[in-house]
PDB file of all heavy atoms in Angstrom:
ATOM      1  N   GLY A   1      -5.084   5.189   9.577  1.00  0.00           N
ATOM      2  CA  GLY A   1      -6.348   5.655   9.016  1.00  0.00           C
ATOM      3  C   GLY A   1      -6.621   4.926   7.727  1.00  0.00           C
ATOM      4  O   GLY A   1      -6.399   3.729   7.633  1.00  0.00           O
ATOM      5  N   ALA A   2      -6.988   5.646   6.715  1.00  0.00           N
ATOM      6  CA  ALA A   2      -7.188   5.030   5.398  1.00  0.00           C
ATOM      7  C   ALA A   2      -5.838   4.903   4.716  1.00  0.00           C
ATOM      8  O   ALA A   2      -5.183   5.950   4.463  1.00  0.00           O
ATOM      9  CB  ALA A   2      -8.150   5.901   4.612  1.00  0.00           C
ATOM     10  N   GLU A   3      -5.405   3.692   4.478  1.00  0.00           N
ATOM     11  CA  GLU A   3      -4.089   3.518   3.852  1.00  0.00           C
ATOM     12  C   GLU A   3      -4.095   4.147   2.451  1.00  0.00           C
ATOM     13  O   GLU A   3      -5.068   3.987   1.690  1.00  0.00           O
ATOM     14  CB  GLU A   3      -3.715   2.043   3.714  1.00  0.00           C
ATOM     15  CG  GLU A   3      -3.471   1.347   5.030  1.00  0.00           C
ATOM     16  CD  GLU A   3      -4.697   0.731   5.596  1.00  0.00           C
ATOM     17  OE1 GLU A   3      -5.768   0.795   4.966  1.00  0.00           O
ATOM     18  OE2 GLU A   3      -4.661   0.175   6.693  1.00  0.00           O
ATOM     19  N   LYS A   4      -3.048   4.843   2.145  1.00  0.00           N
ATOM     20  CA  LYS A   4      -2.954   5.496   0.819  1.00  0.00           C
ATOM     21  C   LYS A   4      -1.455   5.556   0.422  1.00  0.00           C
ATOM     22  O   LYS A   4      -0.634   5.918   1.250  1.00  0.00           O
ATOM     23  CB  LYS A   4      -3.479   6.911   0.906  1.00  0.00           C
ATOM     24  CG  LYS A   4      -3.471   7.653  -0.427  1.00  0.00           C
ATOM     25  CD  LYS A   4      -4.074   9.027  -0.257  1.00  0.00           C
ATOM     26  CE  LYS A   4      -4.009   9.783  -1.530  1.00  0.00           C
ATOM     27  NZ  LYS A   4      -4.442  11.164  -1.412  1.00  0.00           N
ATOM     28  N   ILE A   5      -1.195   5.079  -0.791  1.00  0.00           N
ATOM     29  CA  ILE A   5       0.161   5.103  -1.289  1.00  0.00           C
ATOM     30  C   ILE A   5       0.116   5.713  -2.675  1.00  0.00           C
ATOM     31  O   ILE A   5      -0.674   5.284  -3.548  1.00  0.00           O
ATOM     32  CB  ILE A   5       0.787   3.732  -1.379  1.00  0.00           C
ATOM     33  CG1 ILE A   5       0.819   3.094   0.012  1.00  0.00           C
ATOM     34  CG2 ILE A   5       2.244   3.823  -1.973  1.00  0.00           C
ATOM     35  CD1 ILE A   5       1.284   1.676   0.042  1.00  0.00           C
ATOM     36  N   THR A   6       0.925   6.746  -2.874  1.00  0.00           N
ATOM     37  CA  THR A   6       1.013   7.400  -4.256  1.00  0.00           C
ATOM     38  C   THR A   6       2.488   7.530  -4.640  1.00  0.00           C
ATOM     39  O   THR A   6       3.338   7.625  -3.797  1.00  0.00           O
ATOM     40  CB  THR A   6       0.362   8.778  -4.233  1.00  0.00           C
ATOM     41  OG1 THR A   6       0.995   9.604  -3.225  1.00  0.00           O
ATOM     42  CG2 THR A   6      -1.131   8.721  -3.959  1.00  0.00           C
ATOM     43  N   TYR A   7       2.640   7.521  -5.939  1.00  0.00           N
ATOM     44  CA  TYR A   7       3.995   7.786  -6.502  1.00  0.00           C
ATOM     45  C   TYR A   7       3.794   8.959  -7.402  1.00  0.00           C
ATOM     46  O   TYR A   7       3.189   8.860  -8.448  1.00  0.00           O
ATOM     47  CB  TYR A   7       4.479   6.556  -7.280  1.00  0.00           C
ATOM     48  CG  TYR A   7       5.896   6.789  -7.858  1.00  0.00           C
ATOM     49  CD1 TYR A   7       6.982   7.009  -7.036  1.00  0.00           C
ATOM     50  CD2 TYR A   7       6.084   6.817  -9.243  1.00  0.00           C
ATOM     51  CE1 TYR A   7       8.253   7.199  -7.537  1.00  0.00           C
ATOM     52  CE2 TYR A   7       7.324   7.043  -9.752  1.00  0.00           C
ATOM     53  CZ  TYR A   7       8.394   7.235  -8.927  1.00  0.00           C
ATOM     54  OH  TYR A   7       9.658   7.421  -9.440  1.00  0.00           O
ATOM     55  N   GLY A   8       4.254  10.132  -6.935  1.00  0.00           N
ATOM     56  CA  GLY A   8       3.940  11.366  -7.624  1.00  0.00           C
ATOM     57  C   GLY A   8       2.462  11.595  -7.501  1.00  0.00           C
ATOM     58  O   GLY A   8       1.874  11.614  -6.428  1.00  0.00           O
ATOM     59  N   ASP A   9       1.731  11.687  -8.615  1.00  0.00           N
ATOM     60  CA  ASP A   9       0.302  11.854  -8.662  1.00  0.00           C
ATOM     61  C   ASP A   9      -0.418  10.549  -8.913  1.00  0.00           C
ATOM     62  O   ASP A   9      -1.664  10.490  -8.943  1.00  0.00           O
ATOM     63  CB  ASP A   9      -0.119  12.876  -9.713  1.00  0.00           C
ATOM     64  CG  ASP A   9       0.375  14.265  -9.380  1.00  0.00           C
ATOM     65  OD1 ASP A   9       0.483  14.608  -8.151  1.00  0.00           O
ATOM     66  OD2 ASP A   9       0.690  15.020 -10.324  1.00  0.00           O
ATOM     67  N   THR A  10       0.323   9.478  -9.099  1.00  0.00           N
ATOM     68  CA  THR A  10      -0.274   8.153  -9.461  1.00  0.00           C
ATOM     69  C   THR A  10      -0.564   7.355  -8.215  1.00  0.00           C
ATOM     70  O   THR A  10       0.357   7.029  -7.415  1.00  0.00           O
ATOM     71  CB  THR A  10       0.700   7.324 -10.339  1.00  0.00           C
ATOM     72  OG1 THR A  10       1.054   8.142 -11.465  1.00  0.00           O
ATOM     73  CG2 THR A  10       0.060   6.080 -10.788  1.00  0.00           C
ATOM     74  N   PRO A  11      -1.828   7.010  -7.952  1.00  0.00           N
ATOM     75  CA  PRO A  11      -2.136   6.164  -6.825  1.00  0.00           C
ATOM     76  C   PRO A  11      -1.682   4.726  -7.032  1.00  0.00           C
ATOM     77  O   PRO A  11      -1.882   4.146  -8.116  1.00  0.00           O
ATOM     78  CB  PRO A  11      -3.664   6.203  -6.755  1.00  0.00           C
ATOM     79  CG  PRO A  11      -4.138   6.662  -8.087  1.00  0.00           C
ATOM     80  CD  PRO A  11      -3.007   7.366  -8.740  1.00  0.00           C
ATOM     81  N   ILE A  12      -1.052   4.170  -6.029  1.00  0.00           N
ATOM     82  CA  ILE A  12      -0.631   2.764  -6.077  1.00  0.00           C
ATOM     83  C   ILE A  12      -1.601   1.986  -5.283  1.00  0.00           C
ATOM     84  O   ILE A  12      -1.963   0.823  -5.600  1.00  0.00           O
ATOM     85  CB  ILE A  12       0.787   2.567  -5.509  1.00  0.00           C
ATOM     86  CG1 ILE A  12       1.778   3.288  -6.424  1.00  0.00           C
ATOM     87  CG2 ILE A  12       1.132   1.104  -5.367  1.00  0.00           C
ATOM     88  CD1 ILE A  12       3.199   3.297  -5.909  1.00  0.00           C
ATOM     89  N   LEU A  13      -2.102   2.530  -4.207  1.00  0.00           N
ATOM     90  CA  LEU A  13      -3.035   1.862  -3.300  1.00  0.00           C
ATOM     91  C   LEU A  13      -4.252   2.711  -3.199  1.00  0.00           C
ATOM     92  O   LEU A  13      -4.180   3.957  -2.937  1.00  0.00           O
ATOM     93  CB  LEU A  13      -2.395   1.705  -1.904  1.00  0.00           C
ATOM     94  CG  LEU A  13      -3.308   1.210  -0.793  1.00  0.00           C
ATOM     95  CD1 LEU A  13      -3.857  -0.179  -1.148  1.00  0.00           C
ATOM     96  CD2 LEU A  13      -2.563   1.160   0.484  1.00  0.00           C
ATOM     97  N   GLY A  14      -5.371   2.074  -3.317  1.00  0.00           N
ATOM     98  CA  GLY A  14      -6.656   2.774  -3.184  1.00  0.00           C
ATOM     99  C   GLY A  14      -7.680   2.070  -3.980  1.00  0.00           C
ATOM    100  O   GLY A  14      -7.411   1.220  -4.792  1.00  0.00           O
ATOM    101  N   GLY A  15      -8.946   2.394  -3.724  1.00  0.00           N
ATOM    102  CA  GLY A  15      -9.999   1.732  -4.409  1.00  0.00           C
ATOM    103  C   GLY A  15     -10.041   0.269  -4.170  1.00  0.00           C
ATOM    104  O   GLY A  15      -9.736  -0.231  -3.135  1.00  0.00           O
ATOM    105  N   ARG A  16     -10.327  -0.508  -5.236  1.00  0.00           N
ATOM    106  CA  ARG A  16     -10.449  -1.943  -5.112  1.00  0.00           C
ATOM    107  C   ARG A  16      -9.095  -2.612  -4.944  1.00  0.00           C
ATOM    108  O   ARG A  16      -8.997  -3.762  -4.485  1.00  0.00           O
ATOM    109  CB  ARG A  16     -11.216  -2.565  -6.282  1.00  0.00           C
ATOM    110  CG  ARG A  16     -10.516  -2.478  -7.596  1.00  0.00           C
ATOM    111  CD  ARG A  16     -11.413  -2.969  -8.720  1.00  0.00           C
ATOM    112  NE  ARG A  16     -10.596  -3.018  -9.920  1.00  0.00           N
ATOM    113  CZ  ARG A  16     -10.114  -4.136 -10.492  1.00  0.00           C
ATOM    114  NH1 ARG A  16     -10.421  -5.319  -9.946  1.00  0.00           N
ATOM    115  NH2 ARG A  16      -9.385  -4.076 -11.546  1.00  0.00           N
ATOM    116  N   ASN A  17      -7.980  -1.935  -5.297  1.00  0.00           N
ATOM    117  CA  ASN A  17      -6.638  -2.516  -5.125  1.00  0.00           C
ATOM    118  C   ASN A  17      -6.273  -2.681  -3.639  1.00  0.00           C
ATOM    119  O   ASN A  17      -5.404  -3.409  -3.335  1.00  0.00           O
ATOM    120  CB  ASN A  17      -5.597  -1.618  -5.764  1.00  0.00           C
ATOM    121  CG  ASN A  17      -5.496  -1.895  -7.256  1.00  0.00           C
ATOM    122  OD1 ASN A  17      -5.995  -2.857  -7.778  1.00  0.00           O
ATOM    123  ND2 ASN A  17      -4.766  -0.969  -7.942  1.00  0.00           N
ATOM    124  N   SER A  18      -6.986  -1.956  -2.756  1.00  0.00           N
ATOM    125  CA  SER A  18      -6.577  -1.963  -1.353  1.00  0.00           C
ATOM    126  C   SER A  18      -6.882  -3.320  -0.644  1.00  0.00           C
ATOM    127  O   SER A  18      -6.449  -3.460   0.460  1.00  0.00           O
ATOM    128  CB  SER A  18      -7.268  -0.794  -0.612  1.00  0.00           C
ATOM    129  OG  SER A  18      -8.647  -0.961  -0.640  1.00  0.00           O
ATOM    130  N   VAL A  19      -7.566  -4.191  -1.292  1.00  0.00           N
ATOM    131  CA  VAL A  19      -7.859  -5.463  -0.636  1.00  0.00           C
ATOM    132  C   VAL A  19      -7.102  -6.631  -1.232  1.00  0.00           C
ATOM    133  O   VAL A  19      -7.352  -7.756  -0.795  1.00  0.00           O
ATOM    134  CB  VAL A  19      -9.418  -5.720  -0.679  1.00  0.00           C
ATOM    135  CG1 VAL A  19     -10.167  -4.699   0.130  1.00  0.00           C
ATOM    136  CG2 VAL A  19      -9.924  -5.832  -2.102  1.00  0.00           C
ATOM    137  N   THR A  20      -6.219  -6.440  -2.099  1.00  0.00           N
ATOM    138  CA  THR A  20      -5.512  -7.539  -2.741  1.00  0.00           C
ATOM    139  C   THR A  20      -4.412  -8.024  -1.849  1.00  0.00           C
ATOM    140  O   THR A  20      -3.890  -7.309  -0.969  1.00  0.00           O
ATOM    141  CB  THR A  20      -4.916  -7.154  -4.120  1.00  0.00           C
ATOM    142  OG1 THR A  20      -3.871  -6.169  -3.881  1.00  0.00           O
ATOM    143  CG2 THR A  20      -5.920  -6.576  -5.033  1.00  0.00           C
ATOM    144  N   LYS A  21      -4.012  -9.270  -2.040  1.00  0.00           N
ATOM    145  CA  LYS A  21      -2.858  -9.809  -1.255  1.00  0.00           C
ATOM    146  C   LYS A  21      -1.582  -9.058  -1.543  1.00  0.00           C
ATOM    147  O   LYS A  21      -0.763  -8.805  -0.715  1.00  0.00           O
ATOM    148  CB  LYS A  21      -2.656 -11.284  -1.598  1.00  0.00           C
ATOM    149  CG  LYS A  21      -3.777 -12.177  -1.181  1.00  0.00           C
ATOM    150  CD  LYS A  21      -3.767 -12.406   0.327  1.00  0.00           C
ATOM    151  CE  LYS A  21      -4.784 -13.453   0.675  1.00  0.00           C
ATOM    152  NZ  LYS A  21      -5.167 -13.407   2.065  1.00  0.00           N
ATOM    153  N   ALA A  22      -1.402  -8.613  -2.831  1.00  0.00           N
ATOM    154  CA  ALA A  22      -0.211  -7.873  -3.184  1.00  0.00           C
ATOM    155  C   ALA A  22      -0.117  -6.563  -2.396  1.00  0.00           C
ATOM    156  O   ALA A  22       0.931  -6.200  -1.911  1.00  0.00           O
ATOM    157  CB  ALA A  22      -0.189  -7.601  -4.680  1.00  0.00           C
ATOM    158  N   THR A  23      -1.278  -5.919  -2.276  1.00  0.00           N
ATOM    159  CA  THR A  23      -1.331  -4.675  -1.523  1.00  0.00           C
ATOM    160  C   THR A  23      -1.083  -4.909  -0.039  1.00  0.00           C
ATOM    161  O   THR A  23      -0.348  -4.201   0.626  1.00  0.00           O
ATOM    162  CB  THR A  23      -2.674  -3.977  -1.714  1.00  0.00           C
ATOM    163  OG1 THR A  23      -2.844  -3.707  -3.132  1.00  0.00           O
ATOM    164  CG2 THR A  23      -2.761  -2.669  -0.945  1.00  0.00           C
ATOM    165  N   LYS A  24      -1.612  -5.970   0.475  1.00  0.00           N
ATOM    166  CA  LYS A  24      -1.387  -6.336   1.884  1.00  0.00           C
ATOM    167  C   LYS A  24       0.100  -6.593   2.112  1.00  0.00           C
ATOM    168  O   LYS A  24       0.657  -6.179   3.137  1.00  0.00           O
ATOM    169  CB  LYS A  24      -2.273  -7.522   2.274  1.00  0.00           C
ATOM    170  CG  LYS A  24      -2.188  -7.858   3.740  1.00  0.00           C
ATOM    171  CD  LYS A  24      -3.183  -8.942   4.108  1.00  0.00           C
ATOM    172  CE  LYS A  24      -3.109  -9.246   5.592  1.00  0.00           C
ATOM    173  NZ  LYS A  24      -4.003 -10.308   5.975  1.00  0.00           N
ATOM    174  N   LEU A  25       0.696  -7.307   1.137  1.00  0.00           N
ATOM    175  CA  LEU A  25       2.119  -7.600   1.250  1.00  0.00           C
ATOM    176  C   LEU A  25       2.923  -6.287   1.253  1.00  0.00           C
ATOM    177  O   LEU A  25       3.822  -6.149   2.054  1.00  0.00           O
ATOM    178  CB  LEU A  25       2.545  -8.484   0.065  1.00  0.00           C
ATOM    179  CG  LEU A  25       4.045  -8.735  -0.053  1.00  0.00           C
ATOM    180  CD1 LEU A  25       4.618  -9.423   1.160  1.00  0.00           C
ATOM    181  CD2 LEU A  25       4.303  -9.596  -1.328  1.00  0.00           C
ATOM    182  N   LEU A  26       2.588  -5.423   0.350  1.00  0.00           N
ATOM    183  CA  LEU A  26       3.281  -4.069   0.316  1.00  0.00           C
ATOM    184  C   LEU A  26       3.166  -3.352   1.652  1.00  0.00           C
ATOM    185  O   LEU A  26       4.138  -2.868   2.185  1.00  0.00           O
ATOM    186  CB  LEU A  26       2.716  -3.207  -0.789  1.00  0.00           C
ATOM    187  CG  LEU A  26       3.182  -1.805  -0.892  1.00  0.00           C
ATOM    188  CD1 LEU A  26       4.745  -1.792  -1.163  1.00  0.00           C
ATOM    189  CD2 LEU A  26       2.471  -1.009  -2.003  1.00  0.00           C
ATOM    190  N   LEU A  27       1.982  -3.337   2.239  1.00  0.00           N
ATOM    191  CA  LEU A  27       1.814  -2.618   3.543  1.00  0.00           C
ATOM    192  C   LEU A  27       2.603  -3.292   4.623  1.00  0.00           C
ATOM    193  O   LEU A  27       3.194  -2.618   5.479  1.00  0.00           O
ATOM    194  CB  LEU A  27       0.308  -2.561   3.892  1.00  0.00           C
ATOM    195  CG  LEU A  27      -0.550  -1.707   2.994  1.00  0.00           C
ATOM    196  CD1 LEU A  27      -2.019  -1.875   3.316  1.00  0.00           C
ATOM    197  CD2 LEU A  27      -0.126  -0.273   3.143  1.00  0.00           C
ATOM    198  N   ILE A  28       2.608  -4.625   4.649  1.00  0.00           N
ATOM    199  CA  ILE A  28       3.416  -5.338   5.680  1.00  0.00           C
ATOM    200  C   ILE A  28       4.878  -4.973   5.528  1.00  0.00           C
ATOM    201  O   ILE A  28       5.541  -4.699   6.531  1.00  0.00           O
ATOM    202  CB  ILE A  28       3.212  -6.860   5.542  1.00  0.00           C
ATOM    203  CG1 ILE A  28       1.806  -7.219   5.977  1.00  0.00           C
ATOM    204  CG2 ILE A  28       4.237  -7.618   6.363  1.00  0.00           C
ATOM    205  CD1 ILE A  28       1.393  -8.659   5.623  1.00  0.00           C
ATOM    206  N   LEU A  29       5.431  -5.029   4.318  1.00  0.00           N
ATOM    207  CA  LEU A  29       6.813  -4.758   4.055  1.00  0.00           C
ATOM    208  C   LEU A  29       7.178  -3.334   4.413  1.00  0.00           C
ATOM    209  O   LEU A  29       8.192  -3.070   5.042  1.00  0.00           O
ATOM    210  CB  LEU A  29       7.190  -5.065   2.649  1.00  0.00           C
ATOM    211  CG  LEU A  29       7.182  -6.518   2.272  1.00  0.00           C
ATOM    212  CD1 LEU A  29       7.377  -6.711   0.788  1.00  0.00           C
ATOM    213  CD2 LEU A  29       8.260  -7.305   3.036  1.00  0.00           C
ATOM    214  N   LEU A  30       6.320  -2.383   4.070  1.00  0.00           N
ATOM    215  CA  LEU A  30       6.574  -0.980   4.415  1.00  0.00           C
ATOM    216  C   LEU A  30       6.525  -0.736   5.915  1.00  0.00           C
ATOM    217  O   LEU A  30       7.353  -0.039   6.473  1.00  0.00           O
ATOM    218  CB  LEU A  30       5.561  -0.065   3.708  1.00  0.00           C
ATOM    219  CG  LEU A  30       5.747   0.062   2.175  1.00  0.00           C
ATOM    220  CD1 LEU A  30       4.553   0.778   1.578  1.00  0.00           C
ATOM    221  CD2 LEU A  30       7.032   0.768   1.851  1.00  0.00           C
ATOM    222  N   TYR A  31       5.574  -1.397   6.576  1.00  0.00           N
ATOM    223  CA  TYR A  31       5.440  -1.215   8.011  1.00  0.00           C
ATOM    224  C   TYR A  31       6.638  -1.762   8.742  1.00  0.00           C
ATOM    225  O   TYR A  31       7.156  -1.209   9.673  1.00  0.00           O
ATOM    226  CB  TYR A  31       4.146  -1.874   8.501  1.00  0.00           C
ATOM    227  CG  TYR A  31       3.958  -1.787   9.978  1.00  0.00           C
ATOM    228  CD1 TYR A  31       3.541  -0.575  10.537  1.00  0.00           C
ATOM    229  CD2 TYR A  31       4.190  -2.842  10.844  1.00  0.00           C
ATOM    230  CE1 TYR A  31       3.374  -0.436  11.924  1.00  0.00           C
ATOM    231  CE2 TYR A  31       4.041  -2.734  12.196  1.00  0.00           C
ATOM    232  CZ  TYR A  31       3.644  -1.522  12.741  1.00  0.00           C
ATOM    233  OH  TYR A  31       3.490  -1.402  14.104  1.00  0.00           O
ATOM    234  N   ARG A  32       7.147  -2.909   8.265  1.00  0.00           N
ATOM    235  CA  ARG A  32       8.259  -3.579   8.964  1.00  0.00           C
ATOM    236  C   ARG A  32       9.624  -2.948   8.643  1.00  0.00           C
ATOM    237  O   ARG A  32      10.546  -3.039   9.414  1.00  0.00           O
ATOM    238  CB  ARG A  32       8.308  -5.051   8.579  1.00  0.00           C
ATOM    239  CG  ARG A  32       7.113  -5.863   9.020  1.00  0.00           C
ATOM    240  CD  ARG A  32       6.932  -5.845  10.498  1.00  0.00           C
ATOM    241  NE  ARG A  32       7.896  -6.666  11.102  1.00  0.00           N
ATOM    242  CZ  ARG A  32       7.706  -7.655  11.958  1.00  0.00           C
ATOM    243  NH1 ARG A  32       6.449  -7.970  12.278  1.00  0.00           N
ATOM    244  NH2 ARG A  32       8.667  -8.299  12.525  1.00  0.00           N
ATOM    245  N   GLY A  33       9.682  -2.214   7.483  1.00  0.00           N
ATOM    246  CA  GLY A  33      10.882  -1.437   7.110  1.00  0.00           C
ATOM    247  C   GLY A  33      12.176  -2.242   7.142  1.00  0.00           C
ATOM    248  O   GLY A  33      12.189  -3.394   6.707  1.00  0.00           O
ATOM    249  N   SER A  34      13.217  -1.633   7.686  1.00  0.00           N
ATOM    250  CA  SER A  34      14.509  -2.275   7.683  1.00  0.00           C
ATOM    251  C   SER A  34      14.621  -3.451   8.645  1.00  0.00           C
ATOM    252  O   SER A  34      15.532  -4.256   8.571  1.00  0.00           O
ATOM    253  CB  SER A  34      15.648  -1.274   8.014  1.00  0.00           C
ATOM    254  OG  SER A  34      15.399  -0.713   9.289  1.00  0.00           O
ATOM    255  N   GLU A  35      13.683  -3.530   9.585  1.00  0.00           N
ATOM    256  CA  GLU A  35      13.615  -4.672  10.520  1.00  0.00           C
ATOM    257  C   GLU A  35      13.282  -5.942   9.749  1.00  0.00           C
ATOM    258  O   GLU A  35      13.750  -7.012  10.120  1.00  0.00           O
ATOM    259  CB  GLU A  35      12.552  -4.370  11.610  1.00  0.00           C
ATOM    260  CG  GLU A  35      12.285  -5.518  12.531  1.00  0.00           C
ATOM    261  CD  GLU A  35      11.124  -5.173  13.460  1.00  0.00           C
ATOM    262  OE1 GLU A  35      10.917  -4.030  13.791  1.00  0.00           O
ATOM    263  OE2 GLU A  35      10.384  -6.106  13.778  1.00  0.00           O
TER     264      GLU A  35
END
């Protein structure tokens, strides 16, 4: 759905940050996990 990453109450992903290469990299790494 709408990707969302928070650390406690602090958003890491959302708003205009959601389109950056760094955010895309984070999503790829999280999705791939230990693989």
